Amino acid sequence: MKHISLGVFEMLNPNNGLPTWTHPNAKAKSWDQMGYWVRTAKLLDDAGFDFLFFADTYGFPSVAGSVPDEVLRHGIQFPGLDPMLLISALAQATSRLGFVVTSPTTVEHPYATARRFASLDHYTGGRIGWNVVTGSSQTTTDRLFGLEGQQATHDERYARAEEFLQVCSALWETSWEQDAEQRDQVTGTYANPEKVHDVSHDGAFYRCRGPFAVAPGPQRTPVLFQAGTSSRGRAFAAAHAEAVFIQGQTASQAADQVAAIRKSAGQAGRAPESIRVISGMTVVLGASRAHAQARREEMEALYDPADAAVLFAGMTGIDLRRLESSAPVTEAVAAGLDSQQGQTLIDRYVRPGAPVPTIGEVLDRFRLQALRGFQLTGTAEEVAHQIEELVAATDIDGFMLEPTFGDSAVFAEFAETVAPLLRQRGLLPALPTQDSPVPTLRERVIGSGPHRSLATPSKETGHS
């Protein structure tokens, strides 16, 4: 049995998805406090988790150009803080835990993004990853950045992302030769000018010329995560991603996704097993199966149908509240509602060869699961067994544990009860000792050396 990666999925909002902040165990009073995140990071580090993953977006749900009252009143992905500004503090408080931060390719510039992640590669000692997204809550984001009327289609956003990543990769990988930075105080030479090169790019979307002002860190390139599982997203992942984040619904559906991702990687000239596939997973534990089920029902009772419809509309641009709940969800397209914002989410519910669900069915499923992955409920022994079965059935490489009522208690509970059972089954490595070497995030999750493999055929921007 292979070792799996174990991470945690978080957002710097009062809620992760649908509102749970009113529950006594939620992080309503602490989500915006540095101390809470430092304690959480230390907990994960001590428990042997591989990384803490922050989903993020500049936007928030909007419908027909305005922000619904429910977004503000119930805190639906609003307000939100910038997780990138947390990472240095969390890295200082931990010794091995990796950090993955979401950053878009829509409203940023490649140089600024490359500089931030290269700096974090230094600050974290090589424990940083980038979740590459082409956009989220894009209609709201475009308004905030003054880009109304310039909306790109789903596929056009990926074309832009391709070029964005080409520029970043050139800055990280080709501007500095490995021994260019000398720091020789005797000769007064900080960097050898002959080994620091300009990057020259003049493309359809971006222009960049000059040397990169950040010397290579331990990884050079952050570990590249990607979350799109639409056909265009899979093609992008096949060319660039080192780890792909999916939201597994069932074992068979996840197995199909894993197989499709690996097939795409092979078609792109990469070893299919070189991409790690990691799914979200919400775990509700109890002293007995009945106790765990009661806790899940308590959590799901907090999910309001109206909030689910607003969040769905904000993510996809499709306001299903405008249509009859008994109508097939495909009528949303027939009605001219936009589906470019969140093609991945639409594809989750409308699958080739499967019956088309009704609008009411989609919203109810979205209410109970929203952005979450596998739903596991039971005792620690039962949950460990379910995880073992999922790995065997899907060939998945790891899981991201999602919050339940909000705070980090669910992570501590999992670490104390389920993780030891997974180690007994050989799914997790033994906890490191104090004198164990500290791997980079790439070594820990991808299993390769600290640097990204560039053997894949690519269109990297050259240097001069």
Protein backbone atom coordinates (compact mmCIF):
# COMPACT_ATOMS: atom_id res chain seq x y z
CA MET A 1 0.00 0.00 0.00
CA LYS A 2 1.41 3.40 -0.99
CA HIS A 3 1.83 6.31 1.39
CA ILE A 4 -0.76 9.02 0.83
CA SER A 5 -0.38 12.77 1.28
CA LEU A 6 -2.44 14.44 3.97
CA GLY A 7 -3.36 18.11 3.86
CA VAL A 8 -5.97 20.50 5.22
CA PHE A 9 -8.26 22.71 3.12
CA GLU A 10 -8.97 26.18 4.53
CA MET A 11 -10.24 29.60 3.53
CA LEU A 12 -9.73 32.97 5.20
CA ASN A 13 -13.46 33.59 5.55
CA PRO A 14 -15.82 33.16 8.51
CA ASN A 15 -17.14 30.03 6.76
CA ASN A 16 -15.79 27.45 4.36
CA GLY A 17 -18.54 27.59 1.78
CA LEU A 18 -21.99 27.59 3.40
CA PRO A 19 -22.40 29.34 6.76
CA THR A 20 -21.52 27.45 9.92
CA TRP A 21 -20.13 30.41 11.89
CA THR A 22 -23.12 30.53 14.25
CA HIS A 23 -22.27 27.12 15.72
CA PRO A 24 -20.57 27.24 19.16
CA ASN A 25 -17.57 25.31 17.78
CA ALA A 26 -17.08 27.62 14.80
CA LYS A 27 -14.17 30.01 14.36
CA ALA A 28 -16.41 33.09 14.17
CA LYS A 29 -14.30 35.03 16.68
CA SER A 30 -10.89 33.76 15.62
CA TRP A 31 -10.79 33.29 11.81
CA ASP A 32 -9.16 36.70 11.31
CA GLN A 33 -6.66 36.36 14.18
CA MET A 34 -3.02 35.44 13.59
CA GLY A 35 -2.89 33.43 16.80
CA TYR A 36 -5.59 31.03 15.63
CA TRP A 37 -3.72 30.19 12.42
CA VAL A 38 -0.39 29.80 14.22
CA ARG A 39 -1.99 27.32 16.64
CA THR A 40 -3.61 25.46 13.75
CA ALA A 41 -0.35 25.27 11.79
CA LYS A 42 1.52 23.96 14.84
CA LEU A 43 -1.17 21.33 15.40
CA LEU A 44 -0.85 20.12 11.81
CA ASP A 45 2.93 20.20 11.90
CA ASP A 46 3.11 18.11 15.08
CA ALA A 47 0.54 15.65 13.70
CA GLY A 48 2.53 14.96 10.54
CA PHE A 49 0.22 16.65 8.00
CA ASP A 50 2.02 17.45 4.77
CA PHE A 51 0.52 20.83 3.96
CA LEU A 52 -2.04 23.51 4.75
CA PHE A 53 -3.93 24.57 1.61
CA PHE A 54 -5.60 27.99 1.39
CA ALA A 55 -8.32 28.44 -1.22
CA ASP A 56 -8.69 32.12 -2.07
CA THR A 57 -10.37 34.59 -4.39
CA TYR A 58 -10.56 38.35 -4.77
CA GLY A 59 -14.28 38.02 -5.46
CA PHE A 60 -17.36 36.89 -3.62
CA PRO A 61 -20.81 35.74 -4.71
CA SER A 62 -22.84 38.17 -6.78
CA VAL A 63 -26.01 37.72 -8.80
CA ALA A 64 -26.97 39.89 -11.78
CA GLY A 65 -24.30 42.44 -10.93
CA SER A 66 -25.13 42.96 -7.27
CA VAL A 67 -24.19 41.31 -3.99
CA PRO A 68 -27.19 39.52 -2.42
CA ASP A 69 -28.07 40.45 1.16
CA GLU A 70 -27.42 36.83 2.18
CA VAL A 71 -23.74 37.18 1.31
CA LEU A 72 -23.20 40.00 3.78
CA ARG A 73 -25.73 38.95 6.39
CA HIS A 74 -24.62 35.30 6.55
CA GLY A 75 -20.94 35.67 5.68
CA ILE A 76 -20.93 33.60 2.47
CA GLN A 77 -17.29 33.81 1.38
CA PHE A 78 -17.37 37.36 2.75
CA PRO A 79 -15.43 39.08 4.20
CA GLY A 80 -12.08 37.60 3.25
CA LEU A 81 -8.42 38.20 4.09
CA ASP A 82 -5.28 37.53 2.06
CA PRO A 83 -3.73 34.18 3.10
CA MET A 84 -0.40 34.88 1.39
CA LEU A 85 0.42 37.41 4.09
CA LEU A 86 0.10 34.66 6.74
CA ILE A 87 2.60 32.23 5.31
CA SER A 88 5.86 33.68 6.64
CA ALA A 89 4.53 33.72 10.20
CA LEU A 90 3.20 30.18 9.91
CA ALA A 91 6.47 28.94 8.44
CA GLN A 92 8.39 30.51 11.32
CA ALA A 93 6.14 28.72 13.84
CA THR A 94 6.52 25.30 12.18
CA SER A 95 9.40 23.13 11.03
CA ARG A 96 8.06 20.75 8.35
CA LEU A 97 4.52 21.72 7.33
CA GLY A 98 4.10 22.88 3.73
CA PHE A 99 1.80 25.67 2.55
CA VAL A 100 -0.19 25.93 -0.68
CA VAL A 101 -1.71 29.29 -1.60
CA THR A 102 -4.22 30.07 -4.33
CA SER A 103 -3.37 32.89 -6.73
CA PRO A 104 -5.22 33.73 -9.97
CA THR A 105 -3.85 34.23 -13.45
CA THR A 106 -6.63 36.63 -14.40
CA VAL A 107 -5.93 39.90 -12.58
CA GLU A 108 -2.27 39.46 -11.60
CA HIS A 109 0.92 39.93 -13.63
CA PRO A 110 3.37 37.02 -14.01
CA TYR A 111 6.36 38.95 -12.67
CA ALA A 112 4.61 39.99 -9.47
CA THR A 113 3.31 36.46 -8.88
CA ALA A 114 6.72 34.91 -9.59
CA ARG A 115 8.38 37.34 -7.18
CA ARG A 116 5.93 36.58 -4.35
CA PHE A 117 6.27 32.81 -4.63
CA ALA A 118 10.05 32.93 -5.08
CA SER A 119 10.26 35.04 -1.92
CA LEU A 120 8.07 32.55 -0.03
CA ASP A 121 10.27 29.72 -1.27
CA HIS A 122 13.11 31.41 0.61
CA TYR A 123 11.07 32.37 3.69
CA THR A 124 9.63 28.86 4.13
CA GLY A 125 12.81 26.96 3.33
CA GLY A 126 11.23 25.34 0.28
CA ARG A 127 7.81 24.54 1.75
CA ILE A 128 5.60 26.55 -0.61
CA GLY A 129 3.15 25.59 -3.35
CA TRP A 130 0.96 27.57 -5.76
CA ASN A 131 -2.63 26.56 -6.49
CA VAL A 132 -2.97 27.96 -10.01
CA VAL A 133 -6.51 29.16 -10.76
CA THR A 134 -7.81 30.89 -13.86
CA GLY A 135 -10.52 32.75 -11.97
CA SER A 136 -13.11 32.50 -9.21
CA SER A 137 -16.19 34.66 -8.61
CA GLN A 138 -14.95 36.25 -11.80
CA THR A 139 -17.85 38.64 -12.45
CA THR A 140 -17.34 40.25 -9.04
CA THR A 141 -13.56 40.28 -9.46
CA ASP A 142 -13.79 41.96 -12.87
CA ARG A 143 -15.94 44.75 -11.38
CA LEU A 144 -13.57 45.25 -8.46
CA PHE A 145 -10.60 45.56 -10.83
CA GLY A 146 -12.43 47.70 -13.39
CA LEU A 147 -12.48 44.99 -16.05
CA GLU A 148 -16.19 44.99 -16.91
CA GLY A 149 -16.85 44.09 -20.51
CA GLN A 150 -13.55 42.24 -20.83
CA GLN A 151 -14.75 38.87 -19.54
CA ALA A 152 -12.98 35.94 -21.16
CA THR A 153 -14.61 32.60 -21.85
CA HIS A 154 -13.69 29.52 -19.85
CA ASP A 155 -11.21 28.33 -22.52
CA GLU A 156 -9.78 31.81 -23.10
CA ARG A 157 -8.93 32.08 -19.41
CA TYR A 158 -6.91 28.87 -19.72
CA ALA A 159 -5.09 30.22 -22.77
CA ARG A 160 -4.13 33.24 -20.72
CA ALA A 161 -3.04 30.98 -17.86
CA GLU A 162 -0.80 29.00 -20.21
CA GLU A 163 1.13 32.12 -21.14
CA PHE A 164 1.13 33.38 -17.55
CA LEU A 165 2.79 30.18 -16.36
CA GLN A 166 5.28 30.23 -19.25
CA VAL A 167 6.55 33.62 -18.09
CA CYS A 168 6.69 32.59 -14.43
CA SER A 169 8.57 29.40 -15.30
CA ALA A 170 11.11 31.31 -17.36
CA LEU A 171 11.74 33.73 -14.51
CA TRP A 172 12.13 30.95 -11.94
CA GLU A 173 14.08 28.46 -14.03
CA THR A 174 16.13 30.29 -16.68
CA SER A 175 17.10 33.74 -15.36
CA TRP A 176 19.60 32.49 -12.76
CA GLU A 177 22.03 29.65 -13.32
CA GLN A 178 22.36 27.42 -10.28
CA ASP A 179 25.72 28.86 -9.17
CA ALA A 180 25.08 32.47 -10.22
CA GLU A 181 24.62 33.71 -6.66
CA GLN A 182 28.09 33.82 -5.07
CA ARG A 183 27.92 36.21 -2.08
CA ASP A 184 31.71 36.44 -2.17
CA GLN A 185 32.72 39.15 0.30
CA VAL A 186 36.40 38.82 -0.57
CA THR A 187 35.98 39.67 -4.26
CA GLY A 188 32.93 41.83 -3.70
CA THR A 189 30.88 39.70 -6.08
CA TYR A 190 27.30 39.06 -5.09
CA ALA A 191 26.16 37.50 -8.35
CA ASN A 192 28.08 36.54 -11.47
CA PRO A 193 26.70 38.77 -14.26
CA GLU A 194 27.51 36.14 -16.87
CA LYS A 195 25.17 33.70 -15.15
CA VAL A 196 22.15 35.99 -14.65
CA HIS A 197 20.10 36.31 -17.82
CA ASP A 198 17.28 38.48 -19.10
CA VAL A 199 13.93 36.87 -19.72
CA SER A 200 12.37 38.18 -22.90
CA HIS A 201 8.68 37.56 -23.55
CA ASP A 202 6.35 39.36 -25.94
CA GLY A 203 3.15 37.36 -26.11
CA ALA A 204 -0.55 37.67 -26.76
CA PHE A 205 -1.34 38.67 -23.18
CA TYR A 206 1.92 39.56 -21.39
CA ARG A 207 5.19 41.33 -22.01
CA CYS A 208 8.24 40.97 -19.79
CA ARG A 209 11.92 41.76 -20.31
CA GLY A 210 14.80 41.76 -17.85
CA PRO A 211 16.46 39.60 -15.21
CA PHE A 212 14.50 38.13 -12.33
CA ALA A 213 15.36 39.98 -9.12
CA VAL A 214 15.05 36.92 -6.85
CA ALA A 215 17.79 34.30 -6.73
CA PRO A 216 16.62 30.67 -6.74
CA GLY A 217 15.25 29.31 -3.48
CA PRO A 218 15.34 25.67 -2.38
CA GLN A 219 12.67 24.65 -4.92
CA ARG A 220 13.14 27.38 -7.57
CA THR A 221 9.53 26.80 -8.69
CA PRO A 222 6.78 26.36 -6.09
CA VAL A 223 4.95 23.04 -6.24
CA LEU A 224 2.23 23.59 -8.84
CA PHE A 225 -1.29 22.58 -7.80
CA GLN A 226 -4.31 22.92 -10.09
CA ALA A 227 -7.98 22.32 -9.37
CA GLY A 228 -9.85 22.42 -12.68
CA THR A 229 -11.31 19.10 -13.80
CA SER A 230 -13.15 20.32 -16.91
CA SER A 231 -11.70 19.02 -20.20
CA ARG A 232 -9.74 22.27 -20.64
CA GLY A 233 -8.62 22.16 -17.03
CA ARG A 234 -7.38 18.59 -17.40
CA ALA A 235 -5.34 19.59 -20.45
CA PHE A 236 -3.77 22.46 -18.50
CA ALA A 237 -3.01 20.15 -15.57
CA ALA A 238 -1.53 17.55 -17.91
CA ALA A 239 0.95 20.09 -19.21
CA HIS A 240 1.87 21.87 -15.98
CA ALA A 241 0.44 20.58 -12.69
CA GLU A 242 2.37 18.47 -10.23
CA ALA A 243 -0.67 17.90 -8.03
CA VAL A 244 -4.33 18.07 -9.08
CA PHE A 245 -7.04 18.80 -6.53
CA ILE A 246 -10.40 17.12 -7.13
CA GLN A 247 -13.58 16.89 -5.08
CA GLY A 248 -14.36 13.19 -5.06
CA GLN A 249 -18.08 12.41 -4.85
CA THR A 250 -18.04 8.62 -5.20
CA ALA A 251 -15.27 6.06 -5.60
CA SER A 252 -16.23 5.32 -9.22
CA GLN A 253 -16.43 9.00 -10.17
CA ALA A 254 -13.06 9.73 -8.52
CA ALA A 255 -11.47 6.70 -10.19
CA ASP A 256 -12.64 8.01 -13.57
CA GLN A 257 -11.17 11.44 -12.80
CA VAL A 258 -7.84 9.99 -11.67
CA ALA A 259 -7.64 7.82 -14.79
CA ALA A 260 -8.52 10.76 -17.06
CA ILE A 261 -5.89 12.99 -15.43
CA ARG A 262 -3.20 10.33 -15.74
CA LYS A 263 -4.19 9.62 -19.37
CA SER A 264 -3.94 13.33 -20.20
CA ALA A 265 -0.50 13.46 -18.61
CA GLY A 266 0.65 10.56 -20.77
CA GLN A 267 -0.71 12.27 -23.89
CA ALA A 268 1.27 15.38 -22.92
CA GLY A 269 4.49 13.36 -22.82
CA ARG A 270 4.69 12.99 -19.06
CA ALA A 271 4.80 9.86 -16.94
CA PRO A 272 1.15 9.33 -15.88
CA GLU A 273 2.17 8.66 -12.27
CA SER A 274 4.12 11.93 -12.11
CA ILE A 275 0.92 13.86 -11.25
CA ARG A 276 -0.39 13.46 -7.72
CA VAL A 277 -4.20 13.51 -7.45
CA ILE A 278 -5.56 14.72 -4.12
CA SER A 279 -9.23 14.90 -3.10
CA GLY A 280 -11.06 16.90 -0.52
CA MET A 281 -12.61 14.91 2.32
CA THR A 282 -15.02 15.90 5.09
CA VAL A 283 -14.84 13.57 8.08
CA VAL A 284 -17.38 13.50 10.91
CA LEU A 285 -16.29 11.23 13.74
CA GLY A 286 -18.20 9.84 16.68
CA ALA A 287 -17.90 7.35 19.52
CA SER A 288 -20.35 5.21 17.54
CA ARG A 289 -21.81 5.26 14.05
CA ALA A 290 -25.05 6.72 15.42
CA HIS A 291 -23.18 9.43 17.31
CA ALA A 292 -21.22 10.39 14.20
CA GLN A 293 -24.38 10.49 12.09
CA ALA A 294 -26.07 12.75 14.63
CA ARG A 295 -23.10 15.14 14.48
CA ARG A 296 -23.27 15.21 10.66
CA GLU A 297 -26.99 15.97 10.75
CA GLU A 298 -26.29 18.78 13.21
CA MET A 299 -23.76 20.25 10.79
CA GLU A 300 -25.95 19.87 7.69
CA ALA A 301 -28.88 21.53 9.47
CA LEU A 302 -26.84 24.74 9.33
CA TYR A 303 -26.82 24.68 5.51
CA ASP A 304 -29.69 26.88 4.33
CA PRO A 305 -31.11 26.17 0.82
CA ALA A 306 -31.28 29.89 0.02
CA ASP A 307 -27.60 30.32 0.91
CA ALA A 308 -26.73 27.34 -1.29
CA ALA A 309 -28.52 28.90 -4.27
CA VAL A 310 -26.70 32.20 -3.78
CA LEU A 311 -23.30 30.51 -3.50
CA PHE A 312 -24.02 28.39 -6.59
CA ALA A 313 -24.99 31.49 -8.57
CA GLY A 314 -21.90 33.36 -7.42
CA MET A 315 -19.60 30.54 -8.47
CA THR A 316 -21.17 29.64 -11.80
CA GLY A 317 -23.03 32.73 -12.98
CA ILE A 318 -26.17 30.55 -13.09
CA ASP A 319 -28.99 31.78 -10.88
CA LEU A 320 -31.08 28.63 -10.56
CA ARG A 321 -33.60 30.50 -8.39
CA ARG A 322 -35.02 31.97 -11.61
CA LEU A 323 -36.17 28.56 -12.88
CA GLU A 324 -38.59 25.90 -11.71
CA SER A 325 -37.02 23.42 -9.33
CA SER A 326 -38.57 20.48 -11.25
CA ALA A 327 -36.92 21.52 -14.56
CA PRO A 328 -33.77 19.74 -15.76
CA VAL A 329 -30.67 21.74 -14.90
CA THR A 330 -29.78 21.90 -18.62
CA GLU A 331 -32.62 24.44 -18.97
CA ALA A 332 -30.28 26.94 -17.34
CA VAL A 333 -28.21 26.89 -20.51
CA ALA A 334 -31.30 27.02 -22.71
CA ALA A 335 -32.44 30.07 -20.74
CA GLY A 336 -29.24 31.85 -21.66
CA LEU A 337 -27.75 31.84 -18.17
CA ASP A 338 -23.98 32.06 -18.14
CA SER A 339 -21.99 28.87 -17.55
CA GLN A 340 -18.49 30.21 -18.26
CA GLN A 341 -17.61 31.11 -14.67
CA GLY A 342 -17.56 27.64 -13.20
CA GLN A 343 -17.53 24.94 -15.84
CA THR A 344 -15.97 22.47 -13.42
CA LEU A 345 -18.89 22.78 -11.01
CA ILE A 346 -21.45 22.35 -13.80
CA ASP A 347 -19.64 19.27 -15.08
CA ARG A 348 -19.91 17.74 -11.62
CA TYR A 349 -23.70 17.44 -11.96
CA VAL A 350 -24.18 16.91 -15.71
CA ARG A 351 -22.20 13.87 -16.75
CA PRO A 352 -22.26 12.13 -20.15
CA GLY A 353 -24.51 9.08 -20.17
CA ALA A 354 -26.08 9.85 -16.80
CA PRO A 355 -29.65 11.10 -16.23
CA VAL A 356 -29.88 14.89 -16.19
CA PRO A 357 -30.72 16.03 -12.64
CA THR A 358 -33.41 18.59 -11.90
CA ILE A 359 -32.60 22.05 -10.63
CA GLY A 360 -33.99 21.11 -7.24
CA GLU A 361 -31.81 17.99 -7.08
CA VAL A 362 -28.70 19.96 -8.02
CA LEU A 363 -29.33 22.60 -5.37
CA ASP A 364 -30.04 20.01 -2.69
CA ARG A 365 -26.87 18.11 -3.51
CA PHE A 366 -24.94 21.37 -3.60
CA ARG A 367 -26.44 22.39 -0.23
CA LEU A 368 -25.22 19.21 1.44
CA GLN A 369 -21.84 19.00 -0.27
CA ALA A 370 -21.14 22.37 -1.91
CA LEU A 371 -17.37 22.53 -2.48
CA ARG A 372 -16.62 19.48 -0.36
CA GLY A 373 -15.18 16.13 -1.37
CA PHE A 374 -15.80 12.64 0.00
CA GLN A 375 -18.19 12.56 2.96
CA LEU A 376 -16.99 10.06 5.58
CA THR A 377 -18.98 9.42 8.74
CA GLY A 378 -18.36 6.94 11.55
CA THR A 379 -15.97 5.84 14.25
CA ALA A 380 -12.23 6.28 13.79
CA GLU A 381 -11.90 2.62 12.82
CA GLU A 382 -14.71 2.91 10.27
CA VAL A 383 -13.29 6.08 8.73
CA ALA A 384 -9.78 4.60 8.47
CA HIS A 385 -11.26 1.58 6.70
CA GLN A 386 -13.22 3.83 4.31
CA ILE A 387 -10.05 5.77 3.45
CA GLU A 388 -8.16 2.54 2.81
CA GLU A 389 -10.94 1.35 0.50
CA LEU A 390 -10.99 4.67 -1.40
CA VAL A 391 -7.26 4.56 -2.03
CA ALA A 392 -7.51 1.00 -3.34
CA ALA A 393 -10.55 1.74 -5.52
CA THR A 394 -9.44 5.08 -7.00
CA ASP A 395 -5.61 5.07 -7.05
CA ILE A 396 -5.82 8.50 -5.43
CA ASP A 397 -2.63 9.91 -3.91
CA GLY A 398 -3.92 11.87 -0.94
CA PHE A 399 -6.66 13.79 0.80
CA MET A 400 -7.29 17.28 2.10
CA LEU A 401 -9.26 17.30 5.32
CA GLU A 402 -12.02 19.94 5.28
CA PRO A 403 -13.39 21.80 8.34
CA THR A 404 -16.81 20.81 9.68
CA PHE A 405 -18.21 23.31 12.15
CA GLY A 406 -15.30 25.59 11.41
CA ASP A 407 -12.48 25.44 13.94
CA SER A 408 -9.43 23.18 14.05
CA ALA A 409 -10.91 20.67 16.51
CA VAL A 410 -11.79 18.33 13.65
CA PHE A 411 -8.13 18.23 12.58
CA ALA A 412 -6.97 17.44 16.10
CA GLU A 413 -9.62 14.72 16.44
CA PHE A 414 -8.54 13.15 13.16
CA ALA A 415 -4.86 13.34 14.11
CA GLU A 416 -5.46 11.68 17.48
CA THR A 417 -7.78 8.89 16.36
CA VAL A 418 -7.67 8.19 12.60
CA ALA A 419 -4.08 9.03 11.65
CA PRO A 420 -2.54 6.35 13.96
CA LEU A 421 -4.80 3.74 12.33
CA LEU A 422 -3.71 4.86 8.86
CA ARG A 423 -0.08 4.52 9.93
CA GLN A 424 -0.78 1.00 11.18
CA ARG A 425 -2.23 0.20 7.74
CA GLY A 426 0.85 1.58 6.00
CA LEU A 427 -0.99 4.49 4.39
CA LEU A 428 0.92 7.20 6.27
CA PRO A 429 4.64 7.26 7.06
CA ALA A 430 5.86 7.21 10.65
CA LEU A 431 6.05 10.56 12.39
CA PRO A 432 9.49 12.13 11.89
CA THR A 433 11.95 12.46 14.71
CA GLN A 434 13.53 15.77 15.70
CA ASP A 435 16.74 14.96 13.84
CA SER A 436 14.99 13.78 10.66
CA PRO A 437 15.96 15.81 7.57
CA VAL A 438 13.39 18.40 6.53
CA PRO A 439 12.24 17.80 2.95
CA THR A 440 10.94 20.47 0.63
CA LEU A 441 7.23 20.39 -0.13
CA ARG A 442 8.01 18.92 -3.56
CA GLU A 443 10.08 16.10 -2.05
CA ARG A 444 7.39 15.41 0.52
CA VAL A 445 4.29 15.42 -1.72
CA ILE A 446 5.57 14.70 -5.21
CA GLY A 447 8.34 12.33 -4.19
CA SER A 448 10.90 13.83 -6.57
CA GLY A 449 13.88 16.07 -5.93
CA PRO A 450 13.48 19.65 -4.72
CA HIS A 451 13.33 21.10 -8.25
CA ARG A 452 10.51 20.81 -10.73
CA SER A 453 11.18 18.41 -13.58
CA LEU A 454 11.44 20.33 -16.85
CA ALA A 455 11.81 17.27 -19.05
CA THR A 456 8.23 17.71 -20.25
CA PRO A 457 7.88 19.23 -23.75
CA SER A 458 6.85 22.83 -23.21
CA LYS A 459 6.71 26.29 -24.72
CA GLU A 460 8.89 27.92 -22.07
CA THR A 461 9.94 31.49 -22.76
CA GLY A 462 13.66 31.61 -23.50
CA HIS A 463 16.30 33.87 -21.96
CA SER A 464 18.74 36.15 -23.62
